[in-house]
Amino acid sequence: MYQTLKGFWDWYAVEFETSSPMAGIPGPKGKSAPVPVLQPEDLKAILKACKGRDEWETSRNLCIVWLMPESGLRRFELSALNLDDVDYKTHTVSVLNGKGGKARLSVFGDETTRALWAWRRRRGKAPGALSCPGRG
C-alpha cells in the first residue's frame, strides 16, 4: 500500500509542481513473510487424513477440504452455509454474509461437487441430523 500511495503522490508532485505529502514518511520496515501455498503432496496427505470409519464424517471432511480452497470460503462462511446456498448445476455457492457483511458468489469444480453429493446422501445418518431444522 505504501508503494502505491508514494507512487501516486510522487506523480502528483511532478504533475502539479508541488511537494509530495509522502516526502517525509518513511517506508515500512522489513518484509512480510510470503503465505505458504498448499502443495499437491500436502493435499494428498490431508485427503488421506480425512478418511475415517464413519461414512458421514468422512464425506463431511472431504467436502470441507475440497470446498474451502477451491471456492475461497472462509471458516465462518463455511459454517454458516445452508443446503439452499449450494447450486450443484452451476457449481456455485452463495455466501450471504461474508467478510464485511457482503454477499458474494463463489465457484467450485467437479471434485467438490462429487464430495458434496456424497455428503448429502449420507447426512441423514449423522448423529443429531434432524436436530437442526433449516440447517445444511
N, C-alpha and C. Protein backbone atom coordinates (compact mmCIF):
# COMPACT_ATOMS: atom_id res chain seq x y z
N MET A 1 0.82 -1.17 0.00
CA MET A 1 0.00 0.00 0.00
C MET A 1 0.88 1.26 0.00
N TYR A 2 1.94 1.22 0.78
CA TYR A 2 2.84 2.37 0.86
C TYR A 2 3.38 2.73 -0.52
N GLN A 3 3.85 1.73 -1.25
CA GLN A 3 4.43 1.98 -2.58
C GLN A 3 3.41 2.60 -3.53
N THR A 4 2.18 2.13 -3.45
CA THR A 4 1.12 2.67 -4.31
C THR A 4 0.87 4.14 -4.01
N LEU A 5 0.71 4.44 -2.72
CA LEU A 5 0.47 5.84 -2.33
C LEU A 5 1.66 6.73 -2.68
N LYS A 6 2.86 6.25 -2.42
CA LYS A 6 4.06 7.03 -2.72
C LYS A 6 4.16 7.31 -4.21
N GLY A 7 3.91 6.29 -5.02
CA GLY A 7 3.95 6.46 -6.47
C GLY A 7 2.96 7.50 -6.96
N PHE A 8 1.74 7.45 -6.40
CA PHE A 8 0.73 8.42 -6.80
C PHE A 8 1.15 9.84 -6.43
N TRP A 9 1.56 10.03 -5.17
CA TRP A 9 1.90 11.38 -4.72
C TRP A 9 3.18 11.90 -5.37
N ASP A 10 4.09 11.02 -5.72
CA ASP A 10 5.28 11.45 -6.47
C ASP A 10 4.87 11.96 -7.85
N TRP A 11 3.97 11.23 -8.48
CA TRP A 11 3.45 11.68 -9.78
C TRP A 11 2.73 13.02 -9.63
N TYR A 12 1.87 13.12 -8.63
CA TYR A 12 1.10 14.32 -8.38
C TYR A 12 2.02 15.53 -8.18
N ALA A 13 3.09 15.32 -7.41
CA ALA A 13 4.02 16.41 -7.13
C ALA A 13 4.68 16.91 -8.40
N VAL A 14 5.07 16.02 -9.30
CA VAL A 14 5.69 16.41 -10.57
C VAL A 14 4.67 17.07 -11.48
N GLU A 15 3.50 16.46 -11.59
CA GLU A 15 2.45 16.93 -12.49
C GLU A 15 1.98 18.34 -12.11
N PHE A 16 1.82 18.61 -10.83
CA PHE A 16 1.28 19.89 -10.38
C PHE A 16 2.33 20.79 -9.73
N GLU A 17 3.59 20.43 -9.94
CA GLU A 17 4.72 21.23 -9.46
C GLU A 17 4.57 21.65 -8.00
N THR A 18 4.41 20.64 -7.16
CA THR A 18 4.27 20.86 -5.73
C THR A 18 5.08 19.78 -5.01
N SER A 19 5.04 19.78 -3.71
CA SER A 19 5.78 18.74 -2.98
C SER A 19 4.83 17.58 -2.63
N SER A 20 5.40 16.42 -2.52
CA SER A 20 4.63 15.23 -2.18
C SER A 20 4.39 15.18 -0.67
N PRO A 21 3.15 14.94 -0.23
CA PRO A 21 2.90 14.81 1.20
C PRO A 21 3.56 13.57 1.80
N MET A 22 4.04 12.68 0.95
CA MET A 22 4.68 11.46 1.44
C MET A 22 6.20 11.62 1.51
N ALA A 23 6.70 12.79 1.21
CA ALA A 23 8.15 13.01 1.15
C ALA A 23 8.84 12.69 2.47
N GLY A 24 8.25 13.02 3.59
CA GLY A 24 8.90 12.79 4.88
C GLY A 24 8.45 11.53 5.59
N ILE A 25 7.64 10.71 4.93
CA ILE A 25 7.13 9.50 5.58
C ILE A 25 8.00 8.31 5.19
N PRO A 26 8.64 7.67 6.17
CA PRO A 26 9.48 6.51 5.84
C PRO A 26 8.63 5.31 5.45
N GLY A 27 9.21 4.47 4.64
CA GLY A 27 8.53 3.25 4.22
C GLY A 27 8.48 2.22 5.34
N PRO A 28 7.70 1.17 5.15
CA PRO A 28 7.60 0.13 6.17
C PRO A 28 8.93 -0.60 6.34
N LYS A 29 9.19 -1.06 7.56
CA LYS A 29 10.43 -1.77 7.84
C LYS A 29 10.20 -3.26 7.71
N GLY A 30 11.18 -3.94 7.12
CA GLY A 30 11.11 -5.39 6.99
C GLY A 30 10.12 -5.82 5.94
N LYS A 31 10.18 -7.07 5.63
CA LYS A 31 9.27 -7.63 4.64
C LYS A 31 8.39 -8.67 5.32
N SER A 32 7.16 -8.74 4.89
CA SER A 32 6.28 -9.77 5.43
C SER A 32 6.59 -11.10 4.76
N ALA A 33 6.48 -12.14 5.53
CA ALA A 33 6.77 -13.48 5.01
C ALA A 33 5.70 -13.89 4.01
N PRO A 34 6.08 -14.55 2.92
CA PRO A 34 5.07 -14.99 1.96
C PRO A 34 4.16 -16.05 2.57
N VAL A 35 2.92 -16.03 2.16
CA VAL A 35 1.95 -17.00 2.65
C VAL A 35 2.26 -18.36 2.03
N PRO A 36 2.38 -19.40 2.84
CA PRO A 36 2.70 -20.71 2.28
C PRO A 36 1.55 -21.22 1.40
N VAL A 37 1.91 -21.85 0.30
CA VAL A 37 0.93 -22.38 -0.65
C VAL A 37 0.84 -23.89 -0.46
N LEU A 38 -0.38 -24.40 -0.49
CA LEU A 38 -0.61 -25.83 -0.34
C LEU A 38 -0.06 -26.56 -1.56
N GLN A 39 0.84 -27.49 -1.32
CA GLN A 39 1.45 -28.29 -2.40
C GLN A 39 0.61 -29.55 -2.64
N PRO A 40 0.71 -30.15 -3.84
CA PRO A 40 -0.08 -31.36 -4.13
C PRO A 40 0.13 -32.48 -3.12
N GLU A 41 1.35 -32.67 -2.66
CA GLU A 41 1.59 -33.75 -1.69
C GLU A 41 0.94 -33.42 -0.34
N ASP A 42 0.85 -32.14 -0.01
CA ASP A 42 0.16 -31.73 1.22
C ASP A 42 -1.33 -32.05 1.12
N LEU A 43 -1.92 -31.75 -0.03
CA LEU A 43 -3.33 -32.04 -0.24
C LEU A 43 -3.60 -33.54 -0.15
N LYS A 44 -2.72 -34.34 -0.75
CA LYS A 44 -2.88 -35.80 -0.67
C LYS A 44 -2.85 -36.28 0.77
N ALA A 45 -1.95 -35.73 1.57
CA ALA A 45 -1.86 -36.11 2.98
C ALA A 45 -3.12 -35.70 3.74
N ILE A 46 -3.65 -34.53 3.44
CA ILE A 46 -4.88 -34.07 4.10
C ILE A 46 -6.05 -34.96 3.72
N LEU A 47 -6.15 -35.29 2.43
CA LEU A 47 -7.24 -36.16 1.98
C LEU A 47 -7.15 -37.54 2.63
N LYS A 48 -5.95 -38.03 2.78
CA LYS A 48 -5.75 -39.33 3.43
C LYS A 48 -6.18 -39.27 4.89
N ALA A 49 -5.88 -38.15 5.55
CA ALA A 49 -6.26 -37.97 6.95
C ALA A 49 -7.78 -37.84 7.12
N CYS A 50 -8.48 -37.47 6.06
CA CYS A 50 -9.93 -37.30 6.14
C CYS A 50 -10.66 -38.63 6.25
N LYS A 51 -10.04 -39.67 5.82
CA LYS A 51 -10.71 -40.98 5.82
C LYS A 51 -10.88 -41.45 7.26
N GLY A 52 -12.09 -41.84 7.57
CA GLY A 52 -12.39 -42.33 8.91
C GLY A 52 -13.29 -43.55 8.82
N ARG A 53 -13.70 -44.02 9.97
CA ARG A 53 -14.58 -45.19 9.99
C ARG A 53 -16.02 -44.82 9.67
N ASP A 54 -16.40 -43.63 10.00
CA ASP A 54 -17.77 -43.17 9.82
C ASP A 54 -17.92 -42.56 8.43
N GLU A 55 -18.81 -43.11 7.61
CA GLU A 55 -19.00 -42.62 6.24
C GLU A 55 -19.45 -41.17 6.21
N TRP A 56 -20.35 -40.80 7.14
CA TRP A 56 -20.84 -39.43 7.17
C TRP A 56 -19.71 -38.47 7.51
N GLU A 57 -18.92 -38.81 8.52
CA GLU A 57 -17.82 -37.94 8.94
C GLU A 57 -16.78 -37.80 7.84
N THR A 58 -16.47 -38.91 7.17
CA THR A 58 -15.50 -38.87 6.07
C THR A 58 -16.00 -37.98 4.94
N SER A 59 -17.27 -38.12 4.56
CA SER A 59 -17.79 -37.32 3.46
C SER A 59 -17.86 -35.84 3.84
N ARG A 60 -18.17 -35.54 5.09
CA ARG A 60 -18.18 -34.15 5.56
C ARG A 60 -16.78 -33.54 5.49
N ASN A 61 -15.80 -34.29 5.97
CA ASN A 61 -14.42 -33.80 5.96
C ASN A 61 -13.92 -33.55 4.54
N LEU A 62 -14.26 -34.44 3.62
CA LEU A 62 -13.85 -34.27 2.22
C LEU A 62 -14.49 -33.01 1.62
N CYS A 63 -15.74 -32.76 1.96
CA CYS A 63 -16.41 -31.54 1.48
C CYS A 63 -15.65 -30.30 1.94
N ILE A 64 -15.28 -30.30 3.20
CA ILE A 64 -14.57 -29.14 3.75
C ILE A 64 -13.23 -28.96 3.04
N VAL A 65 -12.49 -30.06 2.88
CA VAL A 65 -11.16 -29.98 2.27
C VAL A 65 -11.24 -29.53 0.82
N TRP A 66 -12.26 -29.96 0.09
CA TRP A 66 -12.37 -29.55 -1.31
C TRP A 66 -12.99 -28.16 -1.45
N LEU A 67 -14.01 -27.86 -0.67
CA LEU A 67 -14.77 -26.63 -0.86
C LEU A 67 -14.01 -25.37 -0.43
N MET A 68 -13.34 -25.40 0.69
CA MET A 68 -12.68 -24.18 1.18
C MET A 68 -11.63 -23.64 0.22
N PRO A 69 -10.63 -24.44 -0.16
CA PRO A 69 -9.62 -23.84 -1.05
C PRO A 69 -10.12 -23.58 -2.46
N GLU A 70 -11.03 -24.41 -2.93
CA GLU A 70 -11.49 -24.25 -4.31
C GLU A 70 -12.41 -23.05 -4.48
N SER A 71 -13.24 -22.79 -3.48
CA SER A 71 -14.19 -21.67 -3.59
C SER A 71 -13.70 -20.41 -2.90
N GLY A 72 -12.69 -20.55 -2.04
CA GLY A 72 -12.18 -19.40 -1.31
C GLY A 72 -13.01 -19.02 -0.11
N LEU A 73 -13.85 -19.95 0.36
CA LEU A 73 -14.66 -19.67 1.54
C LEU A 73 -13.80 -19.53 2.78
N ARG A 74 -14.22 -18.66 3.65
CA ARG A 74 -13.58 -18.52 4.96
C ARG A 74 -14.26 -19.50 5.92
N ARG A 75 -13.62 -19.77 7.06
CA ARG A 75 -14.17 -20.74 8.02
C ARG A 75 -15.58 -20.36 8.46
N PHE A 76 -15.77 -19.10 8.80
CA PHE A 76 -17.08 -18.67 9.26
C PHE A 76 -18.12 -18.83 8.14
N GLU A 77 -17.75 -18.49 6.92
CA GLU A 77 -18.68 -18.60 5.79
C GLU A 77 -19.09 -20.04 5.58
N LEU A 78 -18.14 -20.95 5.69
CA LEU A 78 -18.45 -22.38 5.53
C LEU A 78 -19.40 -22.86 6.61
N SER A 79 -19.16 -22.46 7.85
CA SER A 79 -20.00 -22.92 8.95
C SER A 79 -21.41 -22.34 8.88
N ALA A 80 -21.59 -21.24 8.17
CA ALA A 80 -22.91 -20.59 8.08
C ALA A 80 -23.71 -21.04 6.86
N LEU A 81 -23.17 -21.94 6.04
CA LEU A 81 -23.87 -22.36 4.82
C LEU A 81 -25.11 -23.20 5.13
N ASN A 82 -26.10 -23.06 4.29
CA ASN A 82 -27.30 -23.91 4.28
C ASN A 82 -27.29 -24.70 2.98
N LEU A 83 -28.08 -25.76 2.94
CA LEU A 83 -28.17 -26.56 1.71
C LEU A 83 -28.62 -25.71 0.52
N ASP A 84 -29.51 -24.75 0.77
CA ASP A 84 -30.03 -23.90 -0.31
C ASP A 84 -28.98 -22.96 -0.88
N ASP A 85 -27.87 -22.78 -0.18
CA ASP A 85 -26.81 -21.88 -0.65
C ASP A 85 -25.94 -22.51 -1.73
N VAL A 86 -26.06 -23.82 -1.91
CA VAL A 86 -25.22 -24.54 -2.87
C VAL A 86 -26.04 -24.84 -4.12
N ASP A 87 -25.52 -24.44 -5.29
CA ASP A 87 -26.16 -24.73 -6.57
C ASP A 87 -25.28 -25.73 -7.31
N TYR A 88 -25.74 -26.97 -7.36
CA TYR A 88 -24.95 -28.05 -7.96
C TYR A 88 -24.87 -27.94 -9.48
N LYS A 89 -25.87 -27.33 -10.09
CA LYS A 89 -25.88 -27.21 -11.55
C LYS A 89 -24.86 -26.19 -12.05
N THR A 90 -24.78 -25.06 -11.37
CA THR A 90 -23.85 -24.01 -11.81
C THR A 90 -22.51 -24.06 -11.06
N HIS A 91 -22.40 -25.00 -10.13
CA HIS A 91 -21.17 -25.17 -9.33
C HIS A 91 -20.83 -23.88 -8.59
N THR A 92 -21.84 -23.33 -7.92
CA THR A 92 -21.62 -22.10 -7.17
C THR A 92 -22.18 -22.24 -5.76
N VAL A 93 -21.64 -21.44 -4.88
CA VAL A 93 -22.13 -21.36 -3.51
C VAL A 93 -22.36 -19.88 -3.19
N SER A 94 -23.52 -19.58 -2.62
CA SER A 94 -23.87 -18.21 -2.27
C SER A 94 -23.45 -17.93 -0.83
N VAL A 95 -22.59 -16.96 -0.68
CA VAL A 95 -22.19 -16.51 0.65
C VAL A 95 -23.04 -15.28 0.94
N LEU A 96 -23.93 -15.41 1.90
CA LEU A 96 -24.88 -14.33 2.16
C LEU A 96 -24.35 -13.26 3.09
N ASN A 97 -23.42 -13.65 3.96
CA ASN A 97 -22.89 -12.69 4.92
C ASN A 97 -21.38 -12.91 5.04
N GLY A 98 -20.65 -12.49 4.03
CA GLY A 98 -19.20 -12.68 4.00
C GLY A 98 -18.46 -11.61 4.76
N LYS A 99 -17.18 -11.51 4.49
CA LYS A 99 -16.33 -10.52 5.14
C LYS A 99 -16.88 -9.12 4.89
N GLY A 100 -17.02 -8.36 5.95
CA GLY A 100 -17.57 -7.02 5.83
C GLY A 100 -19.06 -7.01 5.61
N GLY A 101 -19.72 -8.16 5.86
CA GLY A 101 -21.17 -8.25 5.69
C GLY A 101 -21.62 -8.30 4.25
N LYS A 102 -20.69 -8.54 3.33
CA LYS A 102 -21.01 -8.53 1.91
C LYS A 102 -21.42 -9.92 1.42
N ALA A 103 -22.36 -9.94 0.50
CA ALA A 103 -22.77 -11.19 -0.15
C ALA A 103 -21.91 -11.38 -1.40
N ARG A 104 -21.65 -12.64 -1.72
CA ARG A 104 -20.88 -12.93 -2.93
C ARG A 104 -21.19 -14.34 -3.40
N LEU A 105 -20.75 -14.65 -4.58
CA LEU A 105 -20.94 -15.96 -5.18
C LEU A 105 -19.57 -16.56 -5.44
N SER A 106 -19.35 -17.79 -4.98
CA SER A 106 -18.07 -18.47 -5.20
C SER A 106 -18.32 -19.72 -6.04
N VAL A 107 -17.32 -20.10 -6.81
CA VAL A 107 -17.46 -21.27 -7.67
C VAL A 107 -16.61 -22.43 -7.14
N PHE A 108 -16.99 -23.63 -7.56
CA PHE A 108 -16.22 -24.83 -7.23
C PHE A 108 -16.30 -25.79 -8.40
N GLY A 109 -15.43 -26.79 -8.39
CA GLY A 109 -15.31 -27.70 -9.52
C GLY A 109 -15.98 -29.05 -9.33
N ASP A 110 -15.67 -29.95 -10.26
CA ASP A 110 -16.29 -31.27 -10.30
C ASP A 110 -15.98 -32.13 -9.07
N GLU A 111 -14.75 -32.11 -8.61
CA GLU A 111 -14.37 -32.94 -7.46
C GLU A 111 -15.14 -32.50 -6.21
N THR A 112 -15.28 -31.22 -6.04
CA THR A 112 -16.04 -30.69 -4.91
C THR A 112 -17.51 -31.06 -5.04
N THR A 113 -18.03 -31.00 -6.26
CA THR A 113 -19.43 -31.38 -6.50
C THR A 113 -19.67 -32.83 -6.10
N ARG A 114 -18.76 -33.72 -6.50
CA ARG A 114 -18.89 -35.14 -6.13
C ARG A 114 -18.84 -35.31 -4.61
N ALA A 115 -17.94 -34.58 -3.95
CA ALA A 115 -17.84 -34.67 -2.49
C ALA A 115 -19.11 -34.15 -1.82
N LEU A 116 -19.67 -33.06 -2.34
CA LEU A 116 -20.90 -32.51 -1.77
C LEU A 116 -22.08 -33.46 -1.94
N TRP A 117 -22.19 -34.10 -3.09
CA TRP A 117 -23.28 -35.06 -3.32
C TRP A 117 -23.13 -36.26 -2.40
N ALA A 118 -21.91 -36.75 -2.23
CA ALA A 118 -21.68 -37.89 -1.34
C ALA A 118 -22.07 -37.53 0.10
N TRP A 119 -21.69 -36.34 0.53
CA TRP A 119 -22.05 -35.91 1.88
C TRP A 119 -23.56 -35.78 2.02
N ARG A 120 -24.19 -35.22 1.01
CA ARG A 120 -25.64 -35.00 1.08
C ARG A 120 -26.40 -36.33 1.17
N ARG A 121 -25.92 -37.33 0.45
CA ARG A 121 -26.56 -38.66 0.51
C ARG A 121 -26.43 -39.27 1.90
N ARG A 122 -25.32 -39.00 2.58
CA ARG A 122 -25.04 -39.65 3.86
C ARG A 122 -25.44 -38.82 5.07
N ARG A 123 -25.79 -37.57 4.90
CA ARG A 123 -26.01 -36.70 6.05
C ARG A 123 -27.17 -37.11 6.94
N GLY A 124 -28.13 -37.83 6.42
CA GLY A 124 -29.24 -38.30 7.24
C GLY A 124 -28.81 -39.32 8.28
N LYS A 125 -27.65 -39.94 8.08
CA LYS A 125 -27.14 -40.94 9.01
C LYS A 125 -26.35 -40.30 10.15
N ALA A 126 -26.14 -39.01 10.06
CA ALA A 126 -25.31 -38.32 11.06
C ALA A 126 -25.99 -38.27 12.41
N PRO A 127 -25.21 -38.36 13.48
CA PRO A 127 -25.81 -38.22 14.81
C PRO A 127 -26.42 -36.82 14.96
N GLY A 128 -27.70 -36.75 15.33
CA GLY A 128 -28.36 -35.47 15.54
C GLY A 128 -28.70 -34.74 14.25
N ALA A 129 -28.75 -35.45 13.12
CA ALA A 129 -29.00 -34.81 11.83
C ALA A 129 -30.34 -34.09 11.78
N LEU A 130 -31.33 -34.58 12.51
CA LEU A 130 -32.65 -33.97 12.46
C LEU A 130 -32.85 -32.92 13.54
N SER A 131 -31.82 -32.68 14.37
CA SER A 131 -31.98 -31.75 15.48
C SER A 131 -31.76 -30.29 15.08
N CYS A 132 -31.36 -30.02 13.86
CA CYS A 132 -31.11 -28.64 13.42
C CYS A 132 -31.95 -28.32 12.19
N PRO A 133 -33.24 -28.09 12.33
CA PRO A 133 -34.07 -27.82 11.17
C PRO A 133 -33.60 -26.56 10.44
N GLY A 134 -33.63 -26.62 9.12
CA GLY A 134 -33.25 -25.47 8.31
C GLY A 134 -31.76 -25.33 8.10
N ARG A 135 -30.96 -26.11 8.76
CA ARG A 135 -29.51 -26.01 8.61
C ARG A 135 -29.04 -27.08 7.64
N GLY A 136 -28.00 -26.78 6.88
CA GLY A 136 -27.42 -27.72 5.93
C GLY A 136 -26.24 -28.31 6.50
